[in-house]
N, C-alpha and C. Protein backbone atom coordinates (compact mmCIF):
# COMPACT_ATOMS: atom_id res chain seq x y z
N UNK A 1 -60.69 50.75 46.78
CA UNK A 1 -59.99 49.61 46.17
C UNK A 1 -60.38 49.36 45.13
N UNK A 2 -59.67 49.16 44.24
CA UNK A 2 -59.94 49.53 42.72
C UNK A 2 -59.13 48.02 42.20
N UNK A 3 -59.84 47.72 41.67
CA UNK A 3 -59.08 45.87 41.12
C UNK A 3 -58.19 46.45 39.85
N UNK A 4 -56.99 45.91 39.41
CA UNK A 4 -56.75 45.58 38.38
C UNK A 4 -57.16 44.94 37.49
N UNK A 5 -58.00 45.88 36.34
CA UNK A 5 -58.60 45.22 35.29
C UNK A 5 -57.35 44.75 33.88
N UNK A 6 -56.20 44.82 34.54
CA UNK A 6 -55.22 44.09 33.09
C UNK A 6 -55.34 42.90 33.45
N UNK A 7 -55.08 41.96 31.99
CA UNK A 7 -54.80 40.76 32.24
C UNK A 7 -53.47 40.32 32.00
N UNK A 8 -53.05 39.89 33.05
CA UNK A 8 -51.41 39.33 33.08
C UNK A 8 -51.40 37.94 33.30
N UNK A 9 -50.67 37.38 32.25
CA UNK A 9 -50.53 36.22 31.48
C UNK A 9 -51.28 35.87 30.76
N UNK A 10 -51.30 34.46 30.46
CA UNK A 10 -51.47 34.00 28.95
C UNK A 10 -53.39 32.75 30.10
N UNK A 11 -54.32 33.36 28.96
CA UNK A 11 -55.42 32.30 29.09
C UNK A 11 -54.90 31.11 28.97
N UNK A 12 -55.83 30.06 29.42
CA UNK A 12 -55.66 28.94 29.60
C UNK A 12 -55.72 28.37 28.53
N UNK A 13 -56.59 28.40 27.74
CA UNK A 13 -56.94 28.15 25.74
C UNK A 13 -56.02 28.78 25.42
N UNK A 14 -55.83 29.51 25.56
CA UNK A 14 -54.49 29.85 25.21
C UNK A 14 -53.21 29.07 25.07
N UNK A 15 -52.95 28.70 26.30
CA UNK A 15 -52.08 27.96 26.79
C UNK A 15 -51.82 26.93 26.30
N UNK A 16 -53.19 26.03 26.26
CA UNK A 16 -53.32 25.11 25.57
C UNK A 16 -53.26 24.71 24.14
N UNK A 17 -53.34 25.96 23.69
CA UNK A 17 -52.93 25.91 21.80
C UNK A 17 -51.46 26.23 21.67
N UNK A 18 -50.88 26.62 22.99
CA UNK A 18 -49.47 26.92 22.42
C UNK A 18 -48.72 24.96 22.50
N UNK A 19 -49.52 24.57 23.03
CA UNK A 19 -48.50 22.91 22.92
C UNK A 19 -48.62 22.33 21.70
N UNK A 20 -49.66 22.90 20.69
CA UNK A 20 -49.95 22.29 19.38
C UNK A 20 -49.16 23.48 18.72
N UNK A 21 -48.04 22.43 17.77
CA UNK A 21 -46.76 22.99 17.47
C UNK A 21 -47.89 23.39 15.95
N UNK A 22 -47.53 24.83 15.18
CA UNK A 22 -47.82 25.19 14.41
C UNK A 22 -47.37 24.30 13.00
N UNK A 23 -46.21 24.06 12.98
CA UNK A 23 -45.17 23.40 12.02
C UNK A 23 -46.40 22.06 11.01
N UNK A 24 -46.53 21.12 12.76
CA UNK A 24 -47.80 19.93 12.45
C UNK A 24 -49.10 20.30 11.84
N UNK A 25 -49.56 21.35 12.51
CA UNK A 25 -50.96 21.95 11.45
C UNK A 25 -51.04 22.18 10.43
N UNK A 26 -49.74 23.06 10.06
CA UNK A 26 -49.63 23.03 8.43
C UNK A 26 -49.22 22.36 7.41
N UNK A 27 -48.59 21.33 8.39
CA UNK A 27 -47.70 19.74 7.48
C UNK A 27 -48.98 19.38 6.96
N UNK A 28 -49.83 18.93 7.81
CA UNK A 28 -51.10 17.92 7.72
C UNK A 28 -51.88 18.62 6.98
N UNK A 29 -52.56 19.80 7.23
CA UNK A 29 -53.18 20.84 6.21
C UNK A 29 -52.56 20.62 4.47
N UNK A 30 -51.60 20.32 4.65
CA UNK A 30 -50.53 20.44 3.27
C UNK A 30 -51.53 19.06 2.52
N UNK A 31 -51.07 17.81 3.54
CA UNK A 31 -51.06 16.47 2.64
C UNK A 31 -52.38 16.10 2.75
N UNK A 32 -53.41 17.03 3.61
CA UNK A 32 -55.09 16.05 3.09
C UNK A 32 -55.53 17.63 2.66
N UNK A 33 -54.53 18.88 2.09
CA UNK A 33 -55.41 19.82 1.06
C UNK A 33 -56.28 20.55 2.13
N UNK A 34 -56.37 19.86 3.21
CA UNK A 34 -58.04 20.59 3.91
C UNK A 34 -58.20 22.15 3.89
N UNK A 35 -57.02 22.86 3.34
CA UNK A 35 -57.18 24.40 3.26
C UNK A 35 -57.78 24.64 1.85
N UNK A 36 -58.10 23.75 1.20
CA UNK A 36 -58.86 23.91 -0.25
C UNK A 36 -59.73 24.61 -0.25
N UNK A 37 -60.35 25.51 -1.47
CA UNK A 37 -61.41 26.74 -1.26
C UNK A 37 -61.61 27.27 0.05
N UNK A 38 -60.41 27.69 0.75
CA UNK A 38 -60.79 28.26 1.90
C UNK A 38 -60.16 30.09 1.75
N UNK A 39 -60.88 30.83 2.08
CA UNK A 39 -60.31 31.95 2.41
C UNK A 39 -60.08 32.47 3.48
N UNK A 40 -60.95 32.98 4.85
CA UNK A 40 -60.80 32.98 6.04
C UNK A 40 -60.27 32.14 6.64
N UNK A 41 -61.90 30.97 6.78
CA UNK A 41 -61.34 30.12 7.76
C UNK A 41 -60.72 28.69 7.72
N UNK A 42 -59.44 28.96 7.84
CA UNK A 42 -58.75 27.86 7.95
C UNK A 42 -58.76 26.49 8.87
N UNK A 43 -57.50 25.94 8.43
CA UNK A 43 -57.84 24.69 9.17
C UNK A 43 -56.97 24.79 10.50
N UNK A 44 -56.47 25.65 10.81
CA UNK A 44 -55.81 26.19 12.22
C UNK A 44 -57.09 27.01 13.20
N UNK A 45 -57.90 27.51 12.44
CA UNK A 45 -58.79 28.59 12.89
C UNK A 45 -60.31 27.36 13.25
N UNK A 46 -60.24 26.26 12.36
CA UNK A 46 -61.23 25.49 12.62
C UNK A 46 -61.10 24.40 13.54
N UNK A 47 -59.47 24.27 14.19
CA UNK A 47 -59.46 23.58 15.30
C UNK A 47 -59.68 24.42 16.77
N UNK A 48 -58.83 25.53 16.28
CA UNK A 48 -59.37 26.58 17.64
C UNK A 48 -60.68 26.17 17.90
N UNK A 49 -61.54 26.23 16.91
CA UNK A 49 -63.27 26.41 17.19
C UNK A 49 -63.69 25.56 17.76
N UNK A 50 -63.02 23.94 17.08
CA UNK A 50 -63.44 22.76 17.87
C UNK A 50 -63.08 22.29 19.19
N UNK A 51 -61.98 23.33 19.49
CA UNK A 51 -61.51 22.66 20.88
C UNK A 51 -62.20 23.95 21.66
N UNK A 52 -62.37 24.74 20.90
CA UNK A 52 -63.93 26.21 21.71
C UNK A 52 -64.70 25.17 22.30
N UNK A 53 -65.81 24.45 21.23
CA UNK A 53 -66.64 23.42 21.57
C UNK A 53 -66.70 22.53 22.54
N UNK A 54 -65.73 22.17 22.59
CA UNK A 54 -65.44 20.85 23.67
C UNK A 54 -65.01 21.51 24.83
N UNK A 55 -64.30 22.66 25.43
CA UNK A 55 -63.86 23.08 26.20
C UNK A 55 -65.26 23.62 26.89
N UNK A 56 -65.86 24.32 25.88
CA UNK A 56 -67.55 25.12 26.51
C UNK A 56 -68.35 24.05 26.66
N UNK A 57 -67.92 23.00 26.19
CA UNK A 57 -69.14 21.87 26.18
C UNK A 57 -70.31 22.89 25.13
N UNK A 58 -70.24 22.74 24.26
CA UNK A 58 -71.22 23.71 23.10
C UNK A 58 -72.41 22.44 22.52
N UNK A 59 -73.18 22.74 22.75
CA UNK A 59 -74.00 21.24 21.92
C UNK A 59 -74.64 21.45 20.30
N UNK A 60 -74.25 23.31 19.78
CA UNK A 60 -74.95 23.39 18.70
C UNK A 60 -73.85 24.37 18.20
N UNK A 61 -74.28 24.08 17.06
CA UNK A 61 -73.32 24.90 15.74
C UNK A 61 -73.77 27.10 16.19
N UNK A 62 -74.83 27.15 16.65
CA UNK A 62 -75.28 28.35 17.11
C UNK A 62 -74.33 28.64 18.23
N UNK A 63 -74.47 27.99 19.43
CA UNK A 63 -73.95 27.51 20.22
C UNK A 63 -72.52 27.98 20.14
N UNK A 64 -72.00 27.66 19.16
CA UNK A 64 -70.47 27.66 19.07
C UNK A 64 -69.96 29.17 18.91
N UNK A 65 -71.00 29.34 17.90
CA UNK A 65 -70.90 30.64 17.06
C UNK A 65 -71.02 31.84 18.05
N UNK A 66 -72.19 31.69 19.04
CA UNK A 66 -72.19 32.88 20.00
C UNK A 66 -71.30 32.90 20.48
N UNK A 67 -70.72 31.59 21.02
CA UNK A 67 -69.50 31.88 22.49
C UNK A 67 -68.51 32.24 22.02
N UNK A 68 -68.18 32.10 20.59
CA UNK A 68 -66.98 33.25 20.18
C UNK A 68 -67.18 34.34 19.72
N UNK A 69 -68.18 34.72 19.70
CA UNK A 69 -69.02 36.10 19.46
C UNK A 69 -68.55 37.00 21.15
N UNK A 70 -68.89 36.54 22.08
CA UNK A 70 -69.14 36.96 23.09
C UNK A 70 -67.50 36.80 23.54
N UNK A 71 -66.61 35.69 23.40
CA UNK A 71 -65.61 35.94 23.61
C UNK A 71 -64.69 37.17 22.48
N UNK A 72 -65.30 37.95 21.98
CA UNK A 72 -64.67 38.82 21.26
C UNK A 72 -63.30 39.34 21.25
N UNK A 73 -63.35 39.85 22.41
CA UNK A 73 -61.97 40.83 23.18
C UNK A 73 -61.08 39.63 23.06
N UNK A 74 -61.58 38.29 23.12
CA UNK A 74 -60.16 38.00 23.52
C UNK A 74 -59.24 36.67 22.58
N UNK A 75 -60.26 36.84 21.35
CA UNK A 75 -60.12 36.33 20.20
C UNK A 75 -58.06 36.92 19.78
N UNK A 76 -57.45 37.61 20.38
CA UNK A 76 -56.47 37.90 20.14
C UNK A 76 -55.99 37.02 20.76
N UNK A 77 -56.21 36.06 21.69
CA UNK A 77 -54.86 35.17 22.62
C UNK A 77 -54.86 33.92 21.87
N UNK A 78 -55.90 33.53 20.94
CA UNK A 78 -56.47 32.53 20.30
C UNK A 78 -55.67 32.89 18.70
N UNK A 79 -55.53 33.97 18.48
CA UNK A 79 -55.12 34.03 16.84
C UNK A 79 -56.10 34.35 16.32
N UNK A 80 -57.62 34.31 16.66
CA UNK A 80 -58.73 34.42 15.03
C UNK A 80 -59.02 35.81 15.40
N UNK A 81 -58.94 36.05 13.66
CA UNK A 81 -59.35 37.46 13.18
C UNK A 81 -60.24 38.04 12.99
N UNK A 82 -61.22 37.07 12.67
CA UNK A 82 -62.56 36.94 12.26
C UNK A 82 -63.82 36.46 12.65
N UNK A 83 -64.71 36.92 12.75
CA UNK A 83 -65.86 35.99 13.42
C UNK A 83 -66.09 35.11 12.88
N UNK A 84 -66.51 33.87 13.34
CA UNK A 84 -67.03 32.85 12.23
C UNK A 84 -68.56 32.72 12.44
N UNK A 85 -69.37 32.76 10.78
CA UNK A 85 -70.77 32.05 11.00
C UNK A 85 -70.84 31.01 10.40
N UNK A 86 -72.01 30.86 11.07
CA UNK A 86 -72.63 29.63 10.76
C UNK A 86 -72.64 28.59 9.90
N UNK A 87 -72.66 29.02 8.69
CA UNK A 87 -73.01 28.58 7.48
C UNK A 87 -71.40 28.09 7.06
N UNK A 88 -70.53 28.83 7.48
CA UNK A 88 -68.89 28.64 7.31
C UNK A 88 -68.52 27.88 8.20
N UNK A 89 -69.20 27.48 9.66
CA UNK A 89 -68.62 26.52 10.14
C UNK A 89 -69.21 25.06 10.07
N UNK A 90 -70.71 24.88 9.43
CA UNK A 90 -70.98 23.62 8.93
C UNK A 90 -70.63 23.49 7.92
N UNK A 91 -70.27 24.55 6.75
CA UNK A 91 -69.59 24.12 5.49
C UNK A 91 -68.16 23.35 5.83
N UNK A 92 -67.38 23.86 7.35
CA UNK A 92 -65.91 23.47 7.32
C UNK A 92 -65.88 22.29 7.78
N UNK A 93 -67.01 21.65 8.85
CA UNK A 93 -67.14 20.58 9.00
C UNK A 93 -67.48 19.36 8.00
N UNK A 94 -68.01 19.95 7.14
CA UNK A 94 -68.77 18.90 5.97
C UNK A 94 -67.73 18.59 5.31
N UNK A 95 -66.60 19.43 4.78
CA UNK A 95 -65.63 19.38 3.41
C UNK A 95 -64.02 18.99 4.51
N UNK A 96 -63.69 19.28 5.16
CA UNK A 96 -62.75 19.18 5.74
C UNK A 96 -62.55 17.41 6.40
N UNK A 97 -61.68 16.76 5.87
CA UNK A 97 -61.86 15.94 6.16
C UNK A 97 -60.98 15.39 7.32
N UNK A 98 -62.17 14.29 8.30
CA UNK A 98 -61.65 13.67 9.37
C UNK A 98 -60.23 13.02 9.87
N UNK A 99 -59.79 12.73 8.95
CA UNK A 99 -58.30 12.07 9.14
C UNK A 99 -57.24 13.25 9.53
N UNK A 100 -57.53 14.84 8.92
CA UNK A 100 -56.79 15.25 9.43
C UNK A 100 -56.52 15.71 10.63
N UNK A 101 -57.79 15.73 11.36
CA UNK A 101 -57.95 15.68 13.21
C UNK A 101 -57.28 14.77 14.12
N UNK A 102 -57.56 13.50 13.06
CA UNK A 102 -57.51 12.16 13.81
C UNK A 102 -55.62 11.78 13.55
N UNK A 103 -55.17 12.40 12.62
CA UNK A 103 -53.44 12.27 12.59
C UNK A 103 -53.44 13.35 13.20
N UNK A 104 -53.63 14.57 13.08
CA UNK A 104 -53.03 15.38 14.27
C UNK A 104 -53.12 14.66 16.17
N UNK A 105 -54.33 14.49 16.21
CA UNK A 105 -53.85 13.80 17.41
C UNK A 105 -53.19 12.62 17.77
N UNK A 106 -53.14 11.62 16.82
CA UNK A 106 -52.14 10.52 16.98
C UNK A 106 -50.79 11.88 17.10
N UNK A 107 -50.56 11.93 16.51
CA UNK A 107 -48.90 13.15 15.96
C UNK A 107 -48.78 13.50 17.12
N UNK A 108 -49.61 14.61 17.63
CA UNK A 108 -49.56 15.26 19.03
C UNK A 108 -49.43 14.24 20.10
N UNK A 109 -50.24 12.70 20.44
CA UNK A 109 -49.98 12.04 21.35
C UNK A 109 -48.41 11.44 21.03
N UNK A 110 -47.90 11.43 20.32
CA UNK A 110 -46.56 10.77 19.80
C UNK A 110 -45.90 11.46 20.51
N UNK A 111 -46.17 12.94 20.53
CA UNK A 111 -45.07 13.82 20.43
C UNK A 111 -44.82 13.89 22.01
N UNK A 112 -46.25 14.04 22.65
CA UNK A 112 -46.26 14.33 24.01
C UNK A 112 -45.70 12.92 24.88
N UNK A 113 -45.43 11.96 24.74
CA UNK A 113 -45.10 10.42 24.83
C UNK A 113 -43.72 10.47 24.95
N UNK A 114 -43.20 10.87 23.58
CA UNK A 114 -41.49 11.39 23.18
C UNK A 114 -40.80 11.97 24.66
N UNK A 115 -42.04 12.99 24.82
CA UNK A 115 -41.06 14.45 25.41
C UNK A 115 -41.13 13.72 27.38
N UNK A 116 -42.49 12.82 27.53
CA UNK A 116 -42.71 12.53 28.77
C UNK A 116 -42.02 11.48 29.04
N UNK A 117 -40.94 10.57 28.05
CA UNK A 117 -40.18 9.42 28.16
C UNK A 117 -38.50 10.17 27.99
N UNK A 118 -38.54 11.31 27.77
CA UNK A 118 -37.27 12.13 27.79
C UNK A 118 -37.23 12.53 29.08
N UNK A 119 -38.18 13.09 29.58
CA UNK A 119 -37.87 13.53 30.97
C UNK A 119 -37.69 12.84 31.90
N UNK A 120 -37.86 11.68 31.94
CA UNK A 120 -38.05 10.57 33.14
C UNK A 120 -36.34 10.01 32.96
């Protein structure tokens, strides 16, 4: 009896990311100029990396980078093309304004509140 190795369906991490609209990320990145001086590791990739950090309870940058490398075959689901280097992640954490992530969270919670009240 063989197991089916084909993954059918979306991974949970991909489902989580599907709730965050790309236009919202792009609008806030333009507002805060969060992608200035960035070549490959843009704001969306940074957000994905930070969510990966929280979900996997990583405590260091080395853990985050290693975890993303281990999940290399599944990067297509989260639309990450390049491997993240420790120095790149560290620089992004220093340079990206935290106000971007704060406003993204507040905008997202406002959107979900409106959706929930409309469903009732």
